[in-house]
Amino acid sequence: MYHSAGRAVVRGTASALMLLLLGGVSAAQRSQLLKNVELCNGADRTSPDIQVDGCTALINSSAQTPQSLVIAYNNRGNAYTAKGEYDRAVQDYDQSIKLDPNYARAFNNRGVAYQKKGEYDRAIEDFDASIKLNPDYASAFANRAQTYLNKGEYARAVQ
């Protein structure tokens, strides 16, 4: 089982993303932004295609903050991963990491995309980076272990 941005994590970032986006916009803009935030965060089991659309609208919005862009790129990367579009996912995770090199989730999620592409060494590098940034991030440990198992390095999988 791979642990990227699960529903609980996505919902946890939804509130932060909404707060970051809502400063200084009209009521109509606020309504559309809230809709796009919900879509970008995968509310109500939104399809990956619709999630991509919501995140893209946020990324292209003039009302975003640097941190909201970090989250929007990460979430769009998650949607691309769910669609099996791993190269596009990696591009979005790259953007998220470029904007916030301390965002452990983006490293973990990019690692998942690399793992699914069969690029195990790159995946492990990202899981290691995620763990270094957040030593309590269980998903990164689980994903790294799974990647070592996929490589046949069973002893390293349990470290």
Protein backbone atom coordinates (compact mmCIF):
# COMPACT_ATOMS: atom_id res chain seq x y z
CA MET A 1 0.00 0.00 0.00
CA TYR A 2 1.35 3.41 -0.91
CA HIS A 3 0.80 6.39 1.27
CA SER A 4 0.75 9.67 -0.58
CA ALA A 5 -1.71 12.39 0.30
CA GLY A 6 -4.64 10.49 1.76
CA ARG A 7 -8.06 12.04 2.26
CA ALA A 8 -7.30 13.03 5.86
CA VAL A 9 -4.11 14.80 4.81
CA VAL A 10 -5.90 16.48 1.91
CA ARG A 11 -8.67 17.70 4.20
CA GLY A 12 -6.06 18.94 6.65
CA THR A 13 -4.50 21.13 3.99
CA ALA A 14 -7.88 22.37 2.74
CA SER A 15 -8.38 24.75 5.64
CA ALA A 16 -4.88 26.14 5.31
CA LEU A 17 -5.28 26.60 1.58
CA MET A 18 -8.62 28.36 1.99
CA LEU A 19 -7.25 30.78 4.56
CA LEU A 20 -4.27 31.59 2.37
CA LEU A 21 -6.44 32.33 -0.64
CA LEU A 22 -9.27 34.39 0.77
CA GLY A 23 -7.56 37.62 1.68
CA GLY A 24 -8.67 40.65 -0.33
CA VAL A 25 -11.04 39.15 -2.90
CA SER A 26 -14.64 39.99 -3.85
CA ALA A 27 -17.56 37.79 -2.82
CA ALA A 28 -17.87 36.32 -6.33
CA GLN A 29 -14.15 35.62 -6.49
CA ARG A 30 -14.26 34.14 -3.00
CA SER A 31 -17.08 31.79 -4.01
CA GLN A 32 -15.17 30.57 -7.07
CA LEU A 33 -11.94 30.24 -5.09
CA LEU A 34 -13.69 28.17 -2.44
CA LYS A 35 -15.12 25.91 -5.12
CA ASN A 36 -11.68 25.47 -6.68
CA VAL A 37 -10.10 24.83 -3.26
CA GLU A 38 -12.63 22.07 -2.63
CA LEU A 39 -11.98 20.57 -6.06
CA CYS A 40 -8.20 20.86 -5.71
CA ASN A 41 -8.36 19.15 -2.33
CA GLY A 42 -10.43 16.28 -3.71
CA ALA A 43 -13.55 17.05 -1.67
CA ASP A 44 -16.32 14.46 -1.88
CA ARG A 45 -14.12 12.03 -3.78
CA THR A 46 -13.64 14.34 -6.73
CA SER A 47 -12.30 12.59 -9.82
CA PRO A 48 -8.63 13.21 -10.60
CA ASP A 49 -9.58 15.09 -13.78
CA ILE A 50 -11.79 17.50 -11.86
CA GLN A 51 -9.14 17.82 -9.14
CA VAL A 52 -6.58 18.78 -11.81
CA ASP A 53 -8.99 21.43 -13.12
CA GLY A 54 -9.55 22.89 -9.64
CA CYS A 55 -5.84 23.00 -8.86
CA THR A 56 -5.01 24.49 -12.26
CA ALA A 57 -7.57 27.25 -11.69
CA LEU A 58 -5.96 28.02 -8.32
CA ILE A 59 -2.46 28.00 -9.78
CA ASN A 60 -3.55 30.40 -12.51
CA SER A 61 -5.50 32.62 -10.08
CA SER A 62 -4.21 36.06 -9.19
CA ALA A 63 -5.34 35.52 -5.59
CA GLN A 64 -2.82 32.85 -4.62
CA THR A 65 -0.03 33.13 -2.07
CA PRO A 66 3.30 31.31 -2.29
CA GLN A 67 2.18 28.71 0.28
CA SER A 68 -1.16 28.15 -1.45
CA LEU A 69 0.77 27.48 -4.67
CA VAL A 70 2.92 24.92 -2.83
CA ILE A 71 -0.22 23.05 -1.79
CA ALA A 72 -1.99 23.43 -5.15
CA TYR A 73 0.99 22.07 -7.09
CA ASN A 74 1.34 19.20 -4.62
CA ASN A 75 -2.36 18.35 -4.83
CA ARG A 76 -2.39 18.54 -8.62
CA GLY A 77 0.61 16.23 -8.60
CA ASN A 78 -1.41 13.82 -6.47
CA ALA A 79 -4.23 13.93 -9.02
CA TYR A 80 -1.80 13.27 -11.88
CA THR A 81 -0.36 10.35 -9.91
CA ALA A 82 -3.87 8.96 -9.45
CA LYS A 83 -4.33 9.23 -13.22
CA GLY A 84 -1.06 7.39 -13.86
CA GLU A 85 0.51 10.52 -15.41
CA TYR A 86 3.70 10.27 -13.40
CA ASP A 87 5.86 12.63 -15.46
CA ARG A 88 3.30 15.42 -15.09
CA ALA A 89 3.03 14.61 -11.38
CA VAL A 90 6.80 14.88 -10.96
CA GLN A 91 6.75 18.29 -12.69
CA ASP A 92 4.17 19.56 -10.22
CA TYR A 93 6.01 18.14 -7.22
CA ASP A 94 9.17 19.82 -8.55
CA GLN A 95 7.31 23.15 -8.55
CA SER A 96 5.99 22.57 -5.04
CA ILE A 97 9.50 21.75 -3.79
CA LYS A 98 11.00 24.72 -5.63
CA LEU A 99 8.53 27.03 -3.85
CA ASP A 100 9.04 25.35 -0.45
CA PRO A 101 12.11 23.10 -0.17
CA ASN A 102 11.00 22.15 3.36
CA TYR A 103 7.63 20.66 2.34
CA ALA A 104 8.10 17.00 3.28
CA ARG A 105 4.83 15.88 1.68
CA ALA A 106 5.93 16.99 -1.78
CA PHE A 107 9.15 14.97 -1.47
CA ASN A 108 7.18 11.94 -0.31
CA ASN A 109 4.63 12.29 -3.08
CA ARG A 110 7.29 12.77 -5.75
CA GLY A 111 8.94 9.64 -4.38
CA VAL A 112 5.67 7.76 -4.89
CA ALA A 113 5.53 8.94 -8.51
CA TYR A 114 9.13 7.85 -9.09
CA GLN A 115 8.42 4.51 -7.41
CA LYS A 116 5.44 3.91 -9.68
CA LYS A 117 7.65 4.75 -12.68
CA GLY A 118 10.14 2.11 -11.50
CA GLU A 119 12.78 4.73 -10.69
CA TYR A 120 13.48 3.23 -7.30
CA ASP A 121 16.74 5.00 -6.47
CA ARG A 122 15.21 8.42 -7.15
CA ALA A 123 12.18 7.43 -5.09
CA ILE A 124 14.36 6.42 -2.15
CA GLU A 125 16.24 9.74 -2.36
CA ASP A 126 12.94 11.59 -2.08
CA PHE A 127 11.68 9.43 0.79
CA ASP A 128 14.98 10.04 2.59
CA ALA A 129 14.60 13.80 2.03
CA SER A 130 11.04 13.68 3.33
CA ILE A 131 12.12 11.76 6.44
CA LYS A 132 14.99 14.19 7.05
CA LEU A 133 12.52 17.09 6.93
CA ASN A 134 9.94 15.31 9.08
CA PRO A 135 11.31 12.34 11.05
CA ASP A 136 7.77 11.50 12.24
CA TYR A 137 6.31 11.17 8.73
CA ALA A 138 5.22 7.52 8.77
CA SER A 139 4.08 7.50 5.13
CA ALA A 140 7.59 8.29 3.92
CA PHE A 141 9.00 5.39 5.97
CA ALA A 142 6.34 3.02 4.63
CA ASN A 143 6.90 4.14 1.05
CA ARG A 144 10.66 3.80 1.38
CA ALA A 145 10.26 0.29 2.80
CA GLN A 146 7.95 -0.68 -0.07
CA THR A 147 10.47 0.64 -2.58
CA TYR A 148 13.27 -1.39 -1.00
CA LEU A 149 11.01 -4.45 -1.18
CA ASN A 150 10.40 -3.75 -4.86
CA LYS A 151 14.18 -3.62 -5.37
CA GLY A 152 14.56 -6.95 -3.55
CA GLU A 153 16.55 -5.31 -0.75
CA TYR A 154 14.61 -6.94 2.05
CA ALA A 155 17.06 -6.18 4.87
CA ARG A 156 16.97 -2.46 4.06
CA ALA A 157 13.18 -2.48 3.91
CA VAL A 158 12.96 -3.09 7.65
CA GLN A 159 15.43 -0.37 8.67
